[in-house]
Amino acid sequence: MISTQDWEDARRIWSYHQMGHTLQPCSVAIGLGSHDLGVADTSVDLYKRGMVPLLLFTGATSPTTRKRMPRGEAVHYRERALELGVPSAAVLVESRARNTGENIRFSREVLKEEGVEVTSVLLISKPYEERRAYATARKLWPEVEIVSASTPMTLDEYVDCIGDARLVIDMLMGALQRLMIYPDQGFMISQPVPTDVSEAYQRLRQAGFTSRLVATDSPSA
């Protein structure tokens, strides 16, 4: 049972994860692989709107995507982009990354190998991963401008897409916990967490929304 208070706290955390960046033309869009094909769809939409001349999808597979995306997240994203009319030459793939840090590092390597000059990146993720993706990229790629984006939607709309409200709240919690603990481990820049957001986190943790939390000594970003 998810209480009214739980929903209020989840919406507060959802809003915090949204960066609210103004979209602007960038050198490249990097779509972070996951279970969510909406990342690919949004990347394509921004490409067609002239925001970027090039798309790069990054991601291998994970336990949650192995069956749905057996060829790898980035490969499936690329296939989706081609289906939606993006020219093959405008879509690059990085298929090794298994966490956000690797998404950024390995994407940099691919772009360097391809001779792409990058001064700005349109970083596209799931809606609740905007801030985590931004903080990681700013740590690992400080010399470029990062614009963080995702598919525009509310928490309720996202829950309807996923079909599992408890899982979504757990994922919100996992993303927030990493924002709080990973800066000390060198994985991302520090982001201030407002008091009302940290209090919401503690209440949801006490309510048992913990399946996506990690041990504080976890080595994976």
N, C-alpha and C. Protein backbone atom coordinates (compact mmCIF):
# COMPACT_ATOMS: atom_id res chain seq x y z
N MET A 1 0.84 -1.19 0.00
CA MET A 1 0.00 0.00 0.00
C MET A 1 0.89 1.26 0.00
N ILE A 2 0.64 2.15 -0.93
CA ILE A 2 1.39 3.39 -1.01
C ILE A 2 0.51 4.50 -0.46
N SER A 3 0.95 5.12 0.60
CA SER A 3 0.13 6.12 1.28
C SER A 3 0.16 7.47 0.56
N THR A 4 -0.73 8.34 0.98
CA THR A 4 -0.75 9.70 0.44
C THR A 4 0.58 10.41 0.71
N GLN A 5 1.13 10.20 1.91
CA GLN A 5 2.42 10.79 2.25
C GLN A 5 3.53 10.25 1.36
N ASP A 6 3.49 8.93 1.09
CA ASP A 6 4.49 8.34 0.20
C ASP A 6 4.46 9.01 -1.17
N TRP A 7 3.27 9.24 -1.71
CA TRP A 7 3.15 9.86 -3.02
C TRP A 7 3.67 11.30 -2.99
N GLU A 8 3.35 12.02 -1.93
CA GLU A 8 3.84 13.39 -1.82
C GLU A 8 5.36 13.42 -1.79
N ASP A 9 5.94 12.50 -1.03
CA ASP A 9 7.40 12.44 -0.94
C ASP A 9 8.02 12.03 -2.28
N ALA A 10 7.38 11.08 -2.97
CA ALA A 10 7.90 10.64 -4.27
C ALA A 10 7.85 11.79 -5.28
N ARG A 11 6.80 12.56 -5.28
CA ARG A 11 6.70 13.70 -6.21
C ARG A 11 7.75 14.75 -5.91
N ARG A 12 8.03 14.93 -4.63
CA ARG A 12 9.07 15.90 -4.25
C ARG A 12 10.43 15.46 -4.78
N ILE A 13 10.73 14.18 -4.65
CA ILE A 13 12.01 13.65 -5.14
C ILE A 13 12.05 13.66 -6.67
N TRP A 14 10.94 13.32 -7.30
CA TRP A 14 10.85 13.36 -8.76
C TRP A 14 11.19 14.76 -9.27
N SER A 15 10.61 15.77 -8.66
CA SER A 15 10.86 17.15 -9.08
C SER A 15 12.33 17.54 -8.90
N TYR A 16 12.93 17.05 -7.82
CA TYR A 16 14.33 17.35 -7.56
C TYR A 16 15.23 16.76 -8.65
N HIS A 17 14.89 15.57 -9.11
CA HIS A 17 15.69 14.92 -10.15
C HIS A 17 15.65 15.66 -11.48
N GLN A 18 14.63 16.48 -11.69
CA GLN A 18 14.52 17.23 -12.93
C GLN A 18 15.44 18.46 -12.87
N MET A 19 16.31 18.63 -13.84
CA MET A 19 17.25 19.74 -13.84
C MET A 19 16.62 21.04 -14.33
N GLY A 20 15.65 20.93 -15.21
CA GLY A 20 15.00 22.13 -15.73
C GLY A 20 15.88 22.93 -16.68
N HIS A 21 16.82 22.28 -17.33
CA HIS A 21 17.69 22.98 -18.27
C HIS A 21 16.92 23.44 -19.50
N THR A 22 17.29 24.57 -20.03
CA THR A 22 16.73 25.05 -21.29
C THR A 22 17.44 24.36 -22.44
N LEU A 23 16.67 23.74 -23.32
CA LEU A 23 17.27 23.04 -24.45
C LEU A 23 17.93 24.03 -25.39
N GLN A 24 19.08 23.63 -25.92
CA GLN A 24 19.82 24.46 -26.87
C GLN A 24 20.63 23.55 -27.78
N PRO A 25 21.00 24.05 -28.96
CA PRO A 25 21.80 23.22 -29.87
C PRO A 25 23.12 22.81 -29.22
N CYS A 26 23.52 21.55 -29.42
CA CYS A 26 24.75 21.01 -28.85
C CYS A 26 25.53 20.25 -29.92
N SER A 27 26.77 19.91 -29.60
CA SER A 27 27.62 19.20 -30.54
C SER A 27 27.12 17.79 -30.82
N VAL A 28 26.55 17.15 -29.80
CA VAL A 28 26.10 15.77 -29.90
C VAL A 28 25.08 15.49 -28.81
N ALA A 29 24.19 14.56 -29.08
CA ALA A 29 23.28 14.06 -28.04
C ALA A 29 23.76 12.67 -27.64
N ILE A 30 23.88 12.44 -26.35
CA ILE A 30 24.25 11.13 -25.83
C ILE A 30 23.05 10.57 -25.08
N GLY A 31 22.52 9.46 -25.58
CA GLY A 31 21.38 8.80 -24.95
C GLY A 31 21.87 7.68 -24.07
N LEU A 32 21.57 7.75 -22.78
CA LEU A 32 22.04 6.76 -21.82
C LEU A 32 21.14 5.53 -21.83
N GLY A 33 21.73 4.37 -22.08
CA GLY A 33 20.98 3.14 -22.19
C GLY A 33 20.28 2.74 -20.91
N SER A 34 19.14 2.08 -21.07
CA SER A 34 18.35 1.58 -19.94
C SER A 34 17.23 0.73 -20.51
N HIS A 35 16.25 0.40 -19.65
CA HIS A 35 15.07 -0.33 -20.12
C HIS A 35 14.11 0.54 -20.91
N ASP A 36 14.32 1.85 -20.87
CA ASP A 36 13.35 2.83 -21.34
C ASP A 36 13.66 3.29 -22.76
N LEU A 37 12.90 2.80 -23.74
CA LEU A 37 13.09 3.22 -25.13
C LEU A 37 12.69 4.68 -25.35
N GLY A 38 12.02 5.27 -24.36
CA GLY A 38 11.69 6.68 -24.46
C GLY A 38 12.92 7.55 -24.59
N VAL A 39 14.06 7.09 -24.06
CA VAL A 39 15.31 7.84 -24.22
C VAL A 39 15.67 7.94 -25.70
N ALA A 40 15.52 6.84 -26.42
CA ALA A 40 15.81 6.85 -27.85
C ALA A 40 14.81 7.74 -28.59
N ASP A 41 13.54 7.65 -28.24
CA ASP A 41 12.52 8.45 -28.91
C ASP A 41 12.77 9.94 -28.71
N THR A 42 13.11 10.32 -27.48
CA THR A 42 13.37 11.73 -27.20
C THR A 42 14.63 12.20 -27.92
N SER A 43 15.64 11.34 -27.98
CA SER A 43 16.87 11.69 -28.71
C SER A 43 16.55 11.97 -30.18
N VAL A 44 15.73 11.11 -30.76
CA VAL A 44 15.35 11.29 -32.16
C VAL A 44 14.56 12.59 -32.34
N ASP A 45 13.64 12.86 -31.44
CA ASP A 45 12.85 14.08 -31.52
C ASP A 45 13.74 15.32 -31.51
N LEU A 46 14.73 15.32 -30.62
CA LEU A 46 15.63 16.48 -30.53
C LEU A 46 16.53 16.58 -31.76
N TYR A 47 16.93 15.44 -32.31
CA TYR A 47 17.70 15.45 -33.56
C TYR A 47 16.87 16.06 -34.68
N LYS A 48 15.62 15.64 -34.79
CA LYS A 48 14.76 16.15 -35.87
C LYS A 48 14.43 17.62 -35.68
N ARG A 49 14.50 18.09 -34.44
CA ARG A 49 14.26 19.52 -34.17
C ARG A 49 15.51 20.37 -34.40
N GLY A 50 16.58 19.73 -34.83
CA GLY A 50 17.80 20.46 -35.15
C GLY A 50 18.66 20.81 -33.97
N MET A 51 18.43 20.16 -32.82
CA MET A 51 19.23 20.46 -31.64
C MET A 51 20.63 19.87 -31.71
N VAL A 52 20.80 18.78 -32.45
CA VAL A 52 22.11 18.13 -32.58
C VAL A 52 22.27 17.55 -33.98
N PRO A 53 23.50 17.46 -34.48
CA PRO A 53 23.74 16.83 -35.77
C PRO A 53 24.05 15.34 -35.68
N LEU A 54 24.21 14.86 -34.45
CA LEU A 54 24.69 13.50 -34.25
C LEU A 54 24.13 12.92 -32.95
N LEU A 55 23.77 11.62 -33.00
CA LEU A 55 23.32 10.90 -31.82
C LEU A 55 24.35 9.82 -31.47
N LEU A 56 24.58 9.64 -30.19
CA LEU A 56 25.39 8.53 -29.71
C LEU A 56 24.62 7.83 -28.60
N PHE A 57 24.37 6.54 -28.78
CA PHE A 57 23.69 5.75 -27.75
C PHE A 57 24.71 4.88 -27.04
N THR A 58 24.62 4.83 -25.72
CA THR A 58 25.60 4.10 -24.92
C THR A 58 24.93 3.16 -23.94
N GLY A 59 25.45 1.93 -23.86
CA GLY A 59 24.94 0.98 -22.89
C GLY A 59 25.05 -0.46 -23.37
N ALA A 60 25.47 -1.34 -22.47
CA ALA A 60 25.51 -2.78 -22.74
C ALA A 60 24.16 -3.37 -22.35
N THR A 61 24.16 -4.34 -21.48
CA THR A 61 22.91 -4.89 -20.95
C THR A 61 23.03 -4.98 -19.43
N SER A 62 21.90 -5.16 -18.79
CA SER A 62 21.85 -5.34 -17.34
C SER A 62 20.84 -6.45 -17.05
N PRO A 63 20.74 -6.90 -15.82
CA PRO A 63 19.75 -7.93 -15.51
C PRO A 63 18.33 -7.53 -15.89
N THR A 64 18.03 -6.23 -15.87
CA THR A 64 16.67 -5.78 -16.19
C THR A 64 16.44 -5.58 -17.68
N THR A 65 17.50 -5.58 -18.48
CA THR A 65 17.33 -5.35 -19.93
C THR A 65 17.77 -6.52 -20.79
N ARG A 66 18.37 -7.52 -20.18
CA ARG A 66 18.97 -8.60 -20.98
C ARG A 66 17.94 -9.31 -21.86
N LYS A 67 16.75 -9.58 -21.33
CA LYS A 67 15.74 -10.29 -22.11
C LYS A 67 15.09 -9.36 -23.13
N ARG A 68 14.83 -8.13 -22.73
CA ARG A 68 14.14 -7.19 -23.62
C ARG A 68 15.05 -6.65 -24.69
N MET A 69 16.33 -6.50 -24.38
CA MET A 69 17.29 -5.92 -25.32
C MET A 69 18.52 -6.82 -25.42
N PRO A 70 18.37 -8.00 -25.96
CA PRO A 70 19.47 -8.98 -25.97
C PRO A 70 20.70 -8.54 -26.74
N ARG A 71 20.55 -7.63 -27.70
CA ARG A 71 21.69 -7.17 -28.48
C ARG A 71 22.39 -5.99 -27.82
N GLY A 72 21.90 -5.57 -26.66
CA GLY A 72 22.49 -4.45 -25.94
C GLY A 72 21.61 -3.22 -26.04
N GLU A 73 21.59 -2.43 -24.98
CA GLU A 73 20.71 -1.25 -24.93
C GLU A 73 21.01 -0.27 -26.05
N ALA A 74 22.29 0.05 -26.24
CA ALA A 74 22.66 1.03 -27.26
C ALA A 74 22.29 0.55 -28.66
N VAL A 75 22.47 -0.72 -28.91
CA VAL A 75 22.14 -1.27 -30.23
C VAL A 75 20.63 -1.17 -30.48
N HIS A 76 19.83 -1.51 -29.48
CA HIS A 76 18.38 -1.41 -29.64
C HIS A 76 17.95 0.05 -29.79
N TYR A 77 18.58 0.95 -29.07
CA TYR A 77 18.28 2.37 -29.23
C TYR A 77 18.58 2.82 -30.67
N ARG A 78 19.73 2.38 -31.19
CA ARG A 78 20.09 2.76 -32.56
C ARG A 78 19.06 2.22 -33.55
N GLU A 79 18.65 0.98 -33.36
CA GLU A 79 17.65 0.40 -34.26
C GLU A 79 16.35 1.20 -34.21
N ARG A 80 15.99 1.63 -33.02
CA ARG A 80 14.79 2.45 -32.85
C ARG A 80 14.94 3.78 -33.62
N ALA A 81 16.11 4.41 -33.50
CA ALA A 81 16.35 5.68 -34.18
C ALA A 81 16.26 5.51 -35.70
N LEU A 82 16.82 4.42 -36.22
CA LEU A 82 16.76 4.18 -37.66
C LEU A 82 15.32 3.95 -38.11
N GLU A 83 14.54 3.22 -37.30
CA GLU A 83 13.13 3.01 -37.60
C GLU A 83 12.37 4.33 -37.70
N LEU A 84 12.80 5.29 -36.88
CA LEU A 84 12.12 6.59 -36.83
C LEU A 84 12.68 7.58 -37.86
N GLY A 85 13.59 7.10 -38.71
CA GLY A 85 14.02 7.91 -39.84
C GLY A 85 15.33 8.64 -39.71
N VAL A 86 16.10 8.38 -38.66
CA VAL A 86 17.41 9.03 -38.54
C VAL A 86 18.40 8.32 -39.46
N PRO A 87 19.18 9.04 -40.25
CA PRO A 87 20.16 8.39 -41.13
C PRO A 87 21.19 7.59 -40.33
N SER A 88 21.60 6.47 -40.87
CA SER A 88 22.56 5.61 -40.19
C SER A 88 23.84 6.35 -39.83
N ALA A 89 24.30 7.23 -40.72
CA ALA A 89 25.55 7.95 -40.49
C ALA A 89 25.46 8.91 -39.32
N ALA A 90 24.25 9.22 -38.86
CA ALA A 90 24.07 10.18 -37.77
C ALA A 90 23.90 9.50 -36.42
N VAL A 91 24.11 8.17 -36.37
CA VAL A 91 23.90 7.44 -35.11
C VAL A 91 25.13 6.59 -34.79
N LEU A 92 25.80 6.91 -33.70
CA LEU A 92 26.92 6.12 -33.22
C LEU A 92 26.49 5.26 -32.04
N VAL A 93 27.24 4.20 -31.78
CA VAL A 93 26.93 3.27 -30.70
C VAL A 93 28.15 3.01 -29.85
N GLU A 94 27.94 3.01 -28.55
CA GLU A 94 28.95 2.59 -27.57
C GLU A 94 28.29 1.48 -26.77
N SER A 95 28.78 0.25 -26.90
CA SER A 95 28.04 -0.90 -26.38
C SER A 95 28.71 -1.62 -25.21
N ARG A 96 29.64 -0.95 -24.52
CA ARG A 96 30.32 -1.62 -23.39
C ARG A 96 29.86 -1.14 -22.02
N ALA A 97 29.38 0.09 -21.93
CA ALA A 97 29.13 0.72 -20.62
C ALA A 97 28.07 -0.02 -19.81
N ARG A 98 28.37 -0.16 -18.52
CA ARG A 98 27.43 -0.83 -17.61
C ARG A 98 27.02 0.04 -16.42
N ASN A 99 27.48 1.28 -16.40
CA ASN A 99 27.02 2.23 -15.39
C ASN A 99 27.19 3.63 -15.95
N THR A 100 26.71 4.62 -15.22
CA THR A 100 26.69 5.98 -15.74
C THR A 100 28.09 6.52 -16.00
N GLY A 101 29.03 6.22 -15.11
CA GLY A 101 30.39 6.67 -15.31
C GLY A 101 30.98 6.11 -16.58
N GLU A 102 30.75 4.83 -16.83
CA GLU A 102 31.26 4.22 -18.06
C GLU A 102 30.54 4.80 -19.28
N ASN A 103 29.24 5.10 -19.16
CA ASN A 103 28.53 5.76 -20.26
C ASN A 103 29.28 6.99 -20.72
N ILE A 104 29.71 7.80 -19.77
CA ILE A 104 30.39 9.06 -20.11
C ILE A 104 31.80 8.79 -20.63
N ARG A 105 32.57 8.00 -19.92
CA ARG A 105 33.97 7.76 -20.31
C ARG A 105 34.06 7.09 -21.68
N PHE A 106 33.28 6.05 -21.88
CA PHE A 106 33.35 5.31 -23.13
C PHE A 106 32.78 6.13 -24.30
N SER A 107 31.78 6.95 -24.03
CA SER A 107 31.24 7.82 -25.08
C SER A 107 32.29 8.83 -25.53
N ARG A 108 33.02 9.37 -24.59
CA ARG A 108 34.12 10.29 -24.94
C ARG A 108 35.11 9.61 -25.86
N GLU A 109 35.45 8.37 -25.54
CA GLU A 109 36.41 7.63 -26.35
C GLU A 109 35.91 7.44 -27.78
N VAL A 110 34.63 7.06 -27.91
CA VAL A 110 34.06 6.85 -29.25
C VAL A 110 34.09 8.13 -30.05
N LEU A 111 33.67 9.22 -29.43
CA LEU A 111 33.64 10.50 -30.15
C LEU A 111 35.04 10.95 -30.55
N LYS A 112 36.02 10.70 -29.69
CA LYS A 112 37.40 11.05 -30.04
C LYS A 112 37.88 10.21 -31.21
N GLU A 113 37.58 8.91 -31.17
CA GLU A 113 37.99 8.03 -32.25
C GLU A 113 37.35 8.43 -33.58
N GLU A 114 36.11 8.93 -33.51
CA GLU A 114 35.40 9.35 -34.72
C GLU A 114 35.78 10.74 -35.17
N GLY A 115 36.63 11.42 -34.40
CA GLY A 115 37.06 12.76 -34.76
C GLY A 115 36.00 13.83 -34.59
N VAL A 116 35.05 13.60 -33.67
CA VAL A 116 33.98 14.56 -33.43
C VAL A 116 34.45 15.59 -32.40
N GLU A 117 34.43 16.85 -32.79
CA GLU A 117 34.79 17.92 -31.86
C GLU A 117 33.59 18.24 -30.98
N VAL A 118 33.77 18.14 -29.68
CA VAL A 118 32.66 18.30 -28.74
C VAL A 118 32.91 19.48 -27.81
N THR A 119 32.01 20.43 -27.85
CA THR A 119 32.06 21.54 -26.89
C THR A 119 30.84 21.54 -25.98
N SER A 120 29.80 20.84 -26.40
CA SER A 120 28.59 20.76 -25.59
C SER A 120 27.89 19.43 -25.85
N VAL A 121 27.21 18.92 -24.82
CA VAL A 121 26.55 17.62 -24.91
C VAL A 121 25.11 17.76 -24.43
N LEU A 122 24.19 17.27 -25.23
CA LEU A 122 22.80 17.13 -24.82
C LEU A 122 22.67 15.73 -24.25
N LEU A 123 22.61 15.62 -22.93
CA LEU A 123 22.66 14.34 -22.23
C LEU A 123 21.23 13.90 -21.93
N ILE A 124 20.83 12.79 -22.53
CA ILE A 124 19.43 12.36 -22.45
C ILE A 124 19.33 11.07 -21.63
N SER A 125 18.48 11.12 -20.62
CA SER A 125 18.34 9.99 -19.69
C SER A 125 16.88 9.77 -19.35
N LYS A 126 16.62 8.82 -18.48
CA LYS A 126 15.28 8.67 -17.93
C LYS A 126 14.95 9.91 -17.09
N PRO A 127 13.68 10.25 -16.93
CA PRO A 127 13.33 11.49 -16.22
C PRO A 127 13.91 11.59 -14.81
N TYR A 128 13.99 10.48 -14.09
CA TYR A 128 14.49 10.54 -12.72
C TYR A 128 16.02 10.41 -12.64
N GLU A 129 16.68 10.35 -13.80
CA GLU A 129 18.14 10.24 -13.83
C GLU A 129 18.81 11.52 -14.34
N GLU A 130 18.02 12.56 -14.61
CA GLU A 130 18.61 13.79 -15.17
C GLU A 130 19.73 14.34 -14.30
N ARG A 131 19.48 14.49 -13.02
CA ARG A 131 20.47 15.12 -12.15
C ARG A 131 21.68 14.20 -11.95
N ARG A 132 21.44 12.92 -11.80
CA ARG A 132 22.56 11.98 -11.63
C ARG A 132 23.45 11.98 -12.88
N ALA A 133 22.83 11.96 -14.05
CA ALA A 133 23.61 11.97 -15.29
C ALA A 133 24.42 13.25 -15.40
N TYR A 134 23.79 14.37 -15.08
CA TYR A 134 24.47 15.66 -15.14
C TYR A 134 25.66 15.69 -14.19
N ALA A 135 25.45 15.28 -12.93
CA ALA A 135 26.51 15.34 -11.93
C ALA A 135 27.68 14.45 -12.31
N THR A 136 27.39 13.30 -12.92
CA THR A 136 28.45 12.38 -13.35
C THR A 136 29.23 12.97 -14.51
N ALA A 137 28.52 13.51 -15.49
CA ALA A 137 29.19 14.09 -16.66
C ALA A 137 30.04 15.29 -16.28
N ARG A 138 29.55 16.11 -15.37
CA ARG A 138 30.33 17.29 -14.96
C ARG A 138 31.62 16.89 -14.26
N LYS A 139 31.60 15.76 -13.58
CA LYS A 139 32.80 15.26 -12.92
C LYS A 139 33.80 14.70 -13.94
N LEU A 140 33.31 13.94 -14.88
CA LEU A 140 34.18 13.20 -15.79
C LEU A 140 34.49 13.94 -17.09
N TRP A 141 33.73 14.99 -17.39
CA TRP A 141 33.91 15.72 -18.64
C TRP A 141 33.71 17.21 -18.37
N PRO A 142 34.50 17.78 -17.49
CA PRO A 142 34.24 19.15 -17.02
C PRO A 142 34.45 20.23 -18.06
N GLU A 143 35.18 19.92 -19.12
CA GLU A 143 35.50 20.97 -20.09
C GLU A 143 34.39 21.22 -21.11
N VAL A 144 33.33 20.41 -21.12
CA VAL A 144 32.23 20.65 -22.05
C VAL A 144 30.99 21.10 -21.30
N GLU A 145 30.12 21.79 -22.00
CA GLU A 145 28.84 22.21 -21.41
C GLU A 145 27.87 21.04 -21.47
N ILE A 146 27.18 20.78 -20.37
CA ILE A 146 26.24 19.67 -20.29
C ILE A 146 24.82 20.23 -20.15
N VAL A 147 23.96 19.82 -21.07
CA VAL A 147 22.54 20.14 -20.98
C VAL A 147 21.80 18.82 -20.74
N SER A 148 21.17 18.70 -19.60
CA SER A 148 20.51 17.45 -19.22
C SER A 148 19.05 17.48 -19.63
N ALA A 149 18.57 16.39 -20.24
CA ALA A 149 17.20 16.35 -20.75
C ALA A 149 16.62 14.95 -20.61
N SER A 150 15.31 14.87 -20.70
CA SER A 150 14.61 13.59 -20.68
C SER A 150 13.24 13.78 -21.33
N THR A 151 12.48 12.71 -21.43
CA THR A 151 11.14 12.80 -21.97
C THR A 151 10.26 13.61 -21.01
N PRO A 152 9.64 14.70 -21.46
CA PRO A 152 8.80 15.48 -20.55
C PRO A 152 7.58 14.69 -20.09
N MET A 153 7.47 14.45 -18.80
CA MET A 153 6.31 13.75 -18.26
C MET A 153 6.25 13.91 -16.75
N THR A 154 5.08 13.68 -16.19
CA THR A 154 4.90 13.72 -14.75
C THR A 154 5.21 12.37 -14.14
N LEU A 155 5.33 12.34 -12.83
CA LEU A 155 5.54 11.07 -12.13
C LEU A 155 4.39 10.11 -12.42
N ASP A 156 3.18 10.60 -12.38
CA ASP A 156 2.03 9.73 -12.63
C ASP A 156 2.07 9.13 -14.03
N GLU A 157 2.47 9.94 -15.00
CA GLU A 157 2.58 9.44 -16.37
C GLU A 157 3.66 8.38 -16.48
N TYR A 158 4.77 8.59 -15.76
CA TYR A 158 5.85 7.62 -15.82
C TYR A 158 5.43 6.31 -15.15
N VAL A 159 4.74 6.40 -14.04
CA VAL A 159 4.23 5.20 -13.36
C VAL A 159 3.31 4.43 -14.29
N ASP A 160 2.46 5.15 -15.02
CA ASP A 160 1.55 4.48 -15.97
C ASP A 160 2.35 3.75 -17.05
N CYS A 161 3.47 4.35 -17.50
CA CYS A 161 4.29 3.72 -18.52
C CYS A 161 4.96 2.44 -18.00
N ILE A 162 5.46 2.51 -16.78
CA ILE A 162 6.19 1.37 -16.21
C ILE A 162 5.23 0.29 -15.70
N GLY A 163 4.12 0.72 -15.11
CA GLY A 163 3.13 -0.22 -14.63
C GLY A 163 3.39 -0.78 -13.25
N ASP A 164 4.35 -0.19 -12.53
CA ASP A 164 4.69 -0.67 -11.19
C ASP A 164 5.11 0.53 -10.35
N ALA A 165 4.15 1.06 -9.57
CA ALA A 165 4.40 2.29 -8.81
C ALA A 165 5.49 2.10 -7.77
N ARG A 166 5.47 0.97 -7.10
CA ARG A 166 6.48 0.75 -6.05
C ARG A 166 7.88 0.69 -6.65
N LEU A 167 8.02 0.04 -7.78
CA LEU A 167 9.33 -0.03 -8.43
C LEU A 167 9.81 1.36 -8.81
N VAL A 168 8.92 2.19 -9.34
CA VAL A 168 9.32 3.53 -9.74
C VAL A 168 9.81 4.33 -8.53
N ILE A 169 9.09 4.25 -7.43
CA ILE A 169 9.53 4.98 -6.23
C ILE A 169 10.87 4.44 -5.74
N ASP A 170 11.05 3.12 -5.80
CA ASP A 170 12.34 2.54 -5.43
C ASP A 170 13.46 3.10 -6.32
N MET A 171 13.18 3.27 -7.61
CA MET A 171 14.20 3.78 -8.52
C MET A 171 14.51 5.25 -8.23
N LEU A 172 13.48 6.03 -7.88
CA LEU A 172 13.71 7.41 -7.47
C LEU A 172 14.64 7.46 -6.26
N MET A 173 14.40 6.56 -5.34
CA MET A 173 15.21 6.50 -4.12
C MET A 173 16.65 6.12 -4.44
N GLY A 174 16.83 5.14 -5.32
CA GLY A 174 18.18 4.71 -5.66
C GLY A 174 18.97 5.82 -6.32
N ALA A 175 18.32 6.55 -7.23
CA ALA A 175 19.01 7.65 -7.90
C ALA A 175 19.39 8.75 -6.91
N LEU A 176 18.51 9.03 -5.95
CA LEU A 176 18.80 10.08 -4.97
C LEU A 176 19.91 9.65 -4.02
N GLN A 177 19.89 8.40 -3.59
CA GLN A 177 20.95 7.94 -2.70
C GLN A 177 22.32 8.08 -3.36
N ARG A 178 22.40 7.75 -4.62
CA ARG A 178 23.68 7.86 -5.31
C ARG A 178 24.15 9.32 -5.40
N LEU A 179 23.20 10.22 -5.60
CA LEU A 179 23.57 11.64 -5.61
C LEU A 179 24.14 12.08 -4.27
N MET A 180 23.72 11.43 -3.21
CA MET A 180 24.18 11.82 -1.88
C MET A 180 25.51 11.16 -1.51
N ILE A 181 25.76 9.94 -1.97
CA ILE A 181 26.95 9.22 -1.52
C ILE A 181 28.09 9.19 -2.54
N TYR A 182 27.79 9.30 -3.83
CA TYR A 182 28.83 9.13 -4.83
C TYR A 182 29.83 10.29 -4.94
N PRO A 183 29.45 11.53 -4.62
CA PRO A 183 30.47 12.58 -4.67
C PRO A 183 31.68 12.29 -3.78
N ASP A 184 31.44 11.74 -2.60
CA ASP A 184 32.56 11.41 -1.70
C ASP A 184 33.42 10.28 -2.25
N GLN A 185 32.86 9.48 -3.15
CA GLN A 185 33.61 8.38 -3.75
C GLN A 185 34.25 8.79 -5.07
N GLY A 186 34.08 10.05 -5.46
CA GLY A 186 34.72 10.56 -6.66
C GLY A 186 34.01 10.29 -7.95
N PHE A 187 32.75 9.83 -7.89
CA PHE A 187 32.05 9.46 -9.11
C PHE A 187 31.32 10.63 -9.76
N MET A 188 31.01 11.68 -9.01
CA MET A 188 30.24 12.78 -9.56
C MET A 188 30.47 14.04 -8.73
N ILE A 189 30.06 15.18 -9.28
CA ILE A 189 30.15 16.40 -8.49
C ILE A 189 29.03 16.40 -7.44
N SER A 190 29.22 17.18 -6.40
CA SER A 190 28.23 17.28 -5.35
C SER A 190 27.07 18.17 -5.79
N GLN A 191 25.87 17.74 -5.46
CA GLN A 191 24.67 18.52 -5.73
C GLN A 191 23.96 18.78 -4.40
N PRO A 192 23.62 20.02 -4.07
CA PRO A 192 22.92 20.28 -2.82
C PRO A 192 21.56 19.61 -2.80
N VAL A 193 21.25 18.96 -1.71
CA VAL A 193 19.95 18.29 -1.55
C VAL A 193 19.13 19.11 -0.56
N PRO A 194 18.03 19.72 -0.99
CA PRO A 194 17.21 20.52 -0.08
C PRO A 194 16.70 19.69 1.10
N THR A 195 16.45 20.36 2.20
CA THR A 195 16.01 19.67 3.41
C THR A 195 14.72 18.89 3.18
N ASP A 196 13.78 19.47 2.46
CA ASP A 196 12.51 18.76 2.26
C ASP A 196 12.70 17.50 1.43
N VAL A 197 13.68 17.51 0.53
CA VAL A 197 13.95 16.31 -0.27
C VAL A 197 14.62 15.23 0.58
N SER A 198 15.60 15.61 1.40
CA SER A 198 16.25 14.62 2.26
C SER A 198 15.28 14.06 3.29
N GLU A 199 14.36 14.87 3.77
CA GLU A 199 13.36 14.37 4.71
C GLU A 199 12.40 13.40 4.02
N ALA A 200 12.03 13.71 2.78
CA ALA A 200 11.18 12.79 2.01
C ALA A 200 11.89 11.47 1.80
N TYR A 201 13.18 11.55 1.51
CA TYR A 201 13.99 10.33 1.32
C TYR A 201 13.97 9.47 2.59
N GLN A 202 14.17 10.09 3.74
CA GLN A 202 14.20 9.33 4.98
C GLN A 202 12.84 8.69 5.28
N ARG A 203 11.76 9.39 5.02
CA ARG A 203 10.44 8.81 5.27
C ARG A 203 10.19 7.62 4.35
N LEU A 204 10.54 7.76 3.08
CA LEU A 204 10.32 6.65 2.15
C LEU A 204 11.22 5.47 2.48
N ARG A 205 12.41 5.76 2.95
CA ARG A 205 13.30 4.67 3.36
C ARG A 205 12.70 3.91 4.54
N GLN A 206 12.18 4.64 5.50
CA GLN A 206 11.55 4.00 6.65
C GLN A 206 10.29 3.23 6.25
N ALA A 207 9.65 3.68 5.16
CA ALA A 207 8.45 3.00 4.67
C ALA A 207 8.78 1.76 3.84
N GLY A 208 10.06 1.51 3.62
CA GLY A 208 10.47 0.27 2.96
C GLY A 208 10.78 0.37 1.48
N PHE A 209 10.91 1.57 0.95
CA PHE A 209 11.25 1.73 -0.47
C PHE A 209 12.77 1.69 -0.62
N THR A 210 13.31 0.49 -0.55
CA THR A 210 14.76 0.34 -0.43
C THR A 210 15.38 -0.64 -1.43
N SER A 211 14.59 -1.19 -2.34
CA SER A 211 15.14 -2.26 -3.18
C SER A 211 16.23 -1.79 -4.12
N ARG A 212 16.30 -0.49 -4.43
CA ARG A 212 17.33 0.02 -5.34
C ARG A 212 18.44 0.77 -4.61
N LEU A 213 18.46 0.70 -3.29
CA LEU A 213 19.54 1.32 -2.54
C LEU A 213 20.76 0.42 -2.54
N VAL A 214 21.93 1.03 -2.43
CA VAL A 214 23.17 0.28 -2.46
C VAL A 214 23.93 0.49 -1.15
N ALA A 215 24.85 -0.43 -0.87
CA ALA A 215 25.73 -0.25 0.28
C ALA A 215 26.58 0.98 0.03
N THR A 216 26.89 1.70 1.08
CA THR A 216 27.63 2.97 0.91
C THR A 216 29.03 2.78 0.38
N ASP A 217 29.53 1.55 0.38
CA ASP A 217 30.87 1.31 -0.15
C ASP A 217 30.81 0.69 -1.54
N SER A 218 29.62 0.78 -2.20
CA SER A 218 29.49 0.23 -3.55
C SER A 218 30.47 0.89 -4.50
N PRO A 219 31.17 0.11 -5.36
CA PRO A 219 32.17 0.68 -6.26
C PRO A 219 31.62 1.11 -7.61
N SER A 220 30.32 0.97 -7.85
CA SER A 220 29.79 1.20 -9.20
C SER A 220 28.98 2.47 -9.28
N ALA A 221 29.37 3.35 -10.21
CA ALA A 221 28.60 4.57 -10.44
C ALA A 221 27.48 4.34 -11.43
